Amino acid sequence: MAEDEGKETSATRSALSFADWRRKIDELLLKNYMIDFEQAGADEEQLRRYWQADPDPEAEEFVQWFATKYDLTHVQEWGGWGSYPLKTFSR
């Protein structure tokens, strides 16, 4: 049962709004690829099209598909700099 914790299912997905689903996508991309959806070069309209095309898209499956399609390198493959994404600071 502990394996299933944090995993999104059809039942939990149904309750997620587009905004919540988008936040989940960003969380997963940041955690696994240290990049969010916009940094990947996509935009809100594109993500909304994916959301509307699949009546029950699971965030984990979408992120895997997106990462494969755009050849993203998983943080474990290159080592990364810890578990938190780098932030750009401006003055």
Protein backbone atom coordinates (compact mmCIF):
# COMPACT_ATOMS: atom_id res chain seq x y z
CA MET A 1 0.00 0.00 0.00
CA ALA A 2 2.89 2.40 0.74
CA GLU A 3 3.94 2.08 -2.91
CA ASP A 4 0.63 3.60 -3.99
CA GLU A 5 0.97 6.67 -1.76
CA GLY A 6 1.35 9.83 -3.79
CA LYS A 7 0.39 8.07 -7.01
CA GLU A 8 -2.43 9.64 -8.91
CA THR A 9 -5.29 7.35 -9.92
CA SER A 10 -8.33 7.83 -12.14
CA ALA A 11 -10.40 8.53 -9.04
CA THR A 12 -8.06 11.27 -7.78
CA ARG A 13 -7.56 12.68 -11.29
CA SER A 14 -11.29 13.14 -11.77
CA ALA A 15 -11.30 15.49 -8.80
CA LEU A 16 -8.38 17.61 -10.08
CA SER A 17 -9.07 20.84 -11.89
CA PHE A 18 -6.92 21.85 -14.85
CA ALA A 19 -4.97 24.24 -12.58
CA ASP A 20 -4.30 21.47 -10.05
CA TRP A 21 -3.28 19.05 -12.80
CA ARG A 22 -0.92 21.66 -14.28
CA ARG A 23 0.68 22.21 -10.87
CA LYS A 24 1.13 18.44 -10.56
CA ILE A 25 2.81 18.37 -13.99
CA ASP A 26 5.19 21.14 -12.93
CA GLU A 27 5.97 19.39 -9.63
CA LEU A 28 6.80 16.14 -11.41
CA LEU A 29 8.88 17.84 -14.11
CA LEU A 30 10.82 19.83 -11.51
CA LYS A 31 11.41 16.79 -9.33
CA ASN A 32 12.46 14.46 -12.16
CA TYR A 33 13.92 16.78 -14.81
CA MET A 34 14.61 20.05 -12.94
CA ILE A 35 12.51 21.98 -15.43
CA ASP A 36 8.91 23.15 -15.42
CA PHE A 37 6.48 23.04 -18.32
CA GLU A 38 7.18 26.60 -19.51
CA GLN A 39 10.96 26.10 -19.25
CA ALA A 40 10.51 23.08 -21.50
CA GLY A 41 9.30 25.47 -24.20
CA ALA A 42 5.61 24.66 -23.99
CA ASP A 43 2.78 27.00 -23.18
CA GLU A 44 -0.53 26.99 -21.33
CA GLU A 45 -2.52 26.48 -24.55
CA GLN A 46 -0.52 23.39 -25.49
CA LEU A 47 -0.98 21.85 -22.05
CA ARG A 48 -4.69 22.62 -22.11
CA ARG A 49 -4.99 20.80 -25.47
CA TYR A 50 -3.40 17.70 -23.94
CA TRP A 51 -5.75 18.01 -20.97
CA GLN A 52 -8.81 18.20 -23.23
CA ALA A 53 -7.66 15.45 -25.61
CA ASP A 54 -7.57 12.80 -22.89
CA PRO A 55 -10.67 12.48 -20.73
CA ASP A 56 -8.63 11.11 -17.83
CA PRO A 57 -4.94 12.00 -18.19
CA GLU A 58 -2.75 10.96 -15.28
CA ALA A 59 0.02 13.42 -14.50
CA GLU A 60 2.72 10.75 -14.15
CA GLU A 61 1.90 9.21 -17.54
CA PHE A 62 1.79 12.61 -19.20
CA VAL A 63 5.20 13.61 -17.78
CA GLN A 64 6.74 10.31 -18.93
CA TRP A 65 5.29 10.77 -22.41
CA PHE A 66 6.40 14.43 -22.57
CA ALA A 67 9.93 13.64 -21.35
CA THR A 68 10.30 10.85 -23.89
CA LYS A 69 8.89 12.91 -26.76
CA TYR A 70 11.20 15.85 -26.05
CA ASP A 71 14.19 13.74 -24.98
CA LEU A 72 14.45 15.18 -21.47
CA THR A 73 17.23 13.76 -19.31
CA HIS A 74 16.14 12.47 -15.93
CA VAL A 75 17.99 14.02 -12.99
CA GLN A 76 19.36 10.60 -11.97
CA GLU A 77 21.04 10.25 -15.37
CA TRP A 78 23.16 13.37 -14.95
CA GLY A 79 23.45 13.62 -11.19
CA GLY A 80 21.85 17.03 -10.69
CA TRP A 81 22.68 19.41 -7.87
CA GLY A 82 20.53 18.09 -5.08
CA SER A 83 16.82 17.56 -4.88
CA TYR A 84 15.74 21.14 -5.55
CA PRO A 85 15.64 22.91 -8.90
CA LEU A 86 17.97 25.80 -9.52
CA LYS A 87 16.30 29.18 -9.38
CA THR A 88 17.36 32.26 -11.29
CA PHE A 89 17.76 35.28 -9.08
CA SER A 90 17.60 38.77 -10.50
CA ARG A 91 18.46 42.04 -8.85
